[in-house]
Amino acid sequence: MCLANIYKRRNGGKLLIKDIAYLKVDGNQIEMENLAGESKTLRAKINMIDFMNSDVFVDELAYESEHGIKRTK
């Protein structure tokens, strides 16, 4: 089974979420869920996908949660 890890491309490739089983891209919004049932929605764009290592690198625009949008630096 191949599961992906999502990394922020800047700041040394910080791991955002691991073991992604579901990923949906809708414009600048990426919805994802891992095997543990944790879900995240990012306002980001995919920069690169490394299929051999199951890694996805994104340029994060803002993080969206149940408490609204938190701007990234």
C-alpha atoms as a PDB file:
ATOM      1  CA  MET A   1       0.000   0.000   0.000  1.00  0.00           C
ATOM      2  CA  CYS A   2       1.377   3.429  -0.949  1.00  0.00           C
ATOM      3  CA  LEU A   3       0.471   6.346   1.287  1.00  0.00           C
ATOM      4  CA  ALA A   4       1.715   9.878   0.745  1.00  0.00           C
ATOM      5  CA  ASN A   5       3.335  12.398   3.069  1.00  0.00           C
ATOM      6  CA  ILE A   6       2.626  16.114   2.555  1.00  0.00           C
ATOM      7  CA  TYR A   7       5.480  18.571   3.076  1.00  0.00           C
ATOM      8  CA  LYS A   8       5.652  22.349   3.003  1.00  0.00           C
ATOM      9  CA  ARG A   9       8.231  23.055   0.319  1.00  0.00           C
ATOM     10  CA  ARG A  10       9.659  26.075   2.135  1.00  0.00           C
ATOM     11  CA  ASN A  11      11.250  26.008   5.592  1.00  0.00           C
ATOM     12  CA  GLY A  12      13.290  22.880   4.906  1.00  0.00           C
ATOM     13  CA  GLY A  13      10.382  20.687   3.838  1.00  0.00           C
ATOM     14  CA  LYS A  14       8.372  20.662   7.086  1.00  0.00           C
ATOM     15  CA  LEU A  15       6.076  17.623   7.340  1.00  0.00           C
ATOM     16  CA  LEU A  16       2.437  18.757   7.423  1.00  0.00           C
ATOM     17  CA  ILE A  17       0.634  15.408   7.558  1.00  0.00           C
ATOM     18  CA  LYS A  18       1.706  11.812   6.969  1.00  0.00           C
ATOM     19  CA  ASP A  19       0.115   8.597   5.708  1.00  0.00           C
ATOM     20  CA  ILE A  20      -2.356  10.371   3.403  1.00  0.00           C
ATOM     21  CA  ALA A  21      -4.945   7.980   1.998  1.00  0.00           C
ATOM     22  CA  TYR A  22      -7.193  10.629   0.373  1.00  0.00           C
ATOM     23  CA  LEU A  23      -6.293  13.884  -1.374  1.00  0.00           C
ATOM     24  CA  LYS A  24      -8.574  16.204  -3.352  1.00  0.00           C
ATOM     25  CA  VAL A  25      -7.488  19.378  -5.160  1.00  0.00           C
ATOM     26  CA  ASP A  26     -10.060  22.069  -5.887  1.00  0.00           C
ATOM     27  CA  GLY A  27      -8.399  25.213  -7.214  1.00  0.00           C
ATOM     28  CA  ASN A  28      -6.125  26.521  -4.443  1.00  0.00           C
ATOM     29  CA  GLN A  29      -7.670  24.229  -1.833  1.00  0.00           C
ATOM     30  CA  ILE A  30      -6.296  20.791  -0.964  1.00  0.00           C
ATOM     31  CA  GLU A  31      -8.338  18.452   1.233  1.00  0.00           C
ATOM     32  CA  MET A  32      -6.590  15.430   2.709  1.00  0.00           C
ATOM     33  CA  GLU A  33      -7.213  12.634   5.188  1.00  0.00           C
ATOM     34  CA  ASN A  34      -4.819  10.066   6.613  1.00  0.00           C
ATOM     35  CA  LEU A  35      -5.329   6.482   7.789  1.00  0.00           C
ATOM     36  CA  ALA A  36      -5.942   7.626  11.377  1.00  0.00           C
ATOM     37  CA  GLY A  37      -8.912   9.717  10.185  1.00  0.00           C
ATOM     38  CA  GLU A  38      -7.166  13.057  10.732  1.00  0.00           C
ATOM     39  CA  SER A  39      -8.118  15.551   8.056  1.00  0.00           C
ATOM     40  CA  LYS A  40      -6.679  18.890   6.976  1.00  0.00           C
ATOM     41  CA  THR A  41      -7.639  21.497   4.452  1.00  0.00           C
ATOM     42  CA  LEU A  42      -4.895  23.717   3.073  1.00  0.00           C
ATOM     43  CA  ARG A  43      -5.051  26.701   0.797  1.00  0.00           C
ATOM     44  CA  ALA A  44      -2.031  25.668  -1.207  1.00  0.00           C
ATOM     45  CA  LYS A  45      -0.794  24.566  -4.569  1.00  0.00           C
ATOM     46  CA  ILE A  46       1.091  21.390  -5.299  1.00  0.00           C
ATOM     47  CA  ASN A  47       4.660  22.137  -6.300  1.00  0.00           C
ATOM     48  CA  MET A  48       5.988  18.607  -6.843  1.00  0.00           C
ATOM     49  CA  ILE A  49       4.997  14.960  -6.417  1.00  0.00           C
ATOM     50  CA  ASP A  50       7.687  12.330  -5.866  1.00  0.00           C
ATOM     51  CA  PHE A  51       5.893   9.089  -6.752  1.00  0.00           C
ATOM     52  CA  MET A  52       8.897   6.881  -5.910  1.00  0.00           C
ATOM     53  CA  ASN A  53       8.971   8.107  -2.301  1.00  0.00           C
ATOM     54  CA  SER A  54       5.234   8.943  -1.979  1.00  0.00           C
ATOM     55  CA  ASP A  55       5.964  12.573  -1.077  1.00  0.00           C
ATOM     56  CA  VAL A  56       3.905  15.621  -2.071  1.00  0.00           C
ATOM     57  CA  PHE A  57       5.418  19.110  -1.737  1.00  0.00           C
ATOM     58  CA  VAL A  58       3.134  22.134  -1.514  1.00  0.00           C
ATOM     59  CA  ASP A  59       3.458  25.902  -1.431  1.00  0.00           C
ATOM     60  CA  GLU A  60       1.059  26.785   1.374  1.00  0.00           C
ATOM     61  CA  LEU A  61      -1.027  29.932   0.911  1.00  0.00           C
ATOM     62  CA  ALA A  62      -3.002  29.758   4.206  1.00  0.00           C
ATOM     63  CA  TYR A  63      -4.222  27.102   6.632  1.00  0.00           C
ATOM     64  CA  GLU A  64      -7.966  26.684   6.992  1.00  0.00           C
ATOM     65  CA  SER A  65      -9.521  25.112  10.080  1.00  0.00           C
ATOM     66  CA  GLU A  66     -12.784  25.105  11.964  1.00  0.00           C
ATOM     67  CA  HIS A  67     -11.690  28.401  13.580  1.00  0.00           C
ATOM     68  CA  GLY A  68     -11.220  30.287  10.324  1.00  0.00           C
ATOM     69  CA  ILE A  69      -8.182  30.990   8.193  1.00  0.00           C
ATOM     70  CA  LYS A  70      -4.751  31.476   9.692  1.00  0.00           C
ATOM     71  CA  ARG A  71      -2.337  33.262   7.379  1.00  0.00           C
ATOM     72  CA  THR A  72       1.076  31.703   6.875  1.00  0.00           C
ATOM     73  CA  LYS A  73       4.303  33.676   6.926  1.00  0.00           C
END
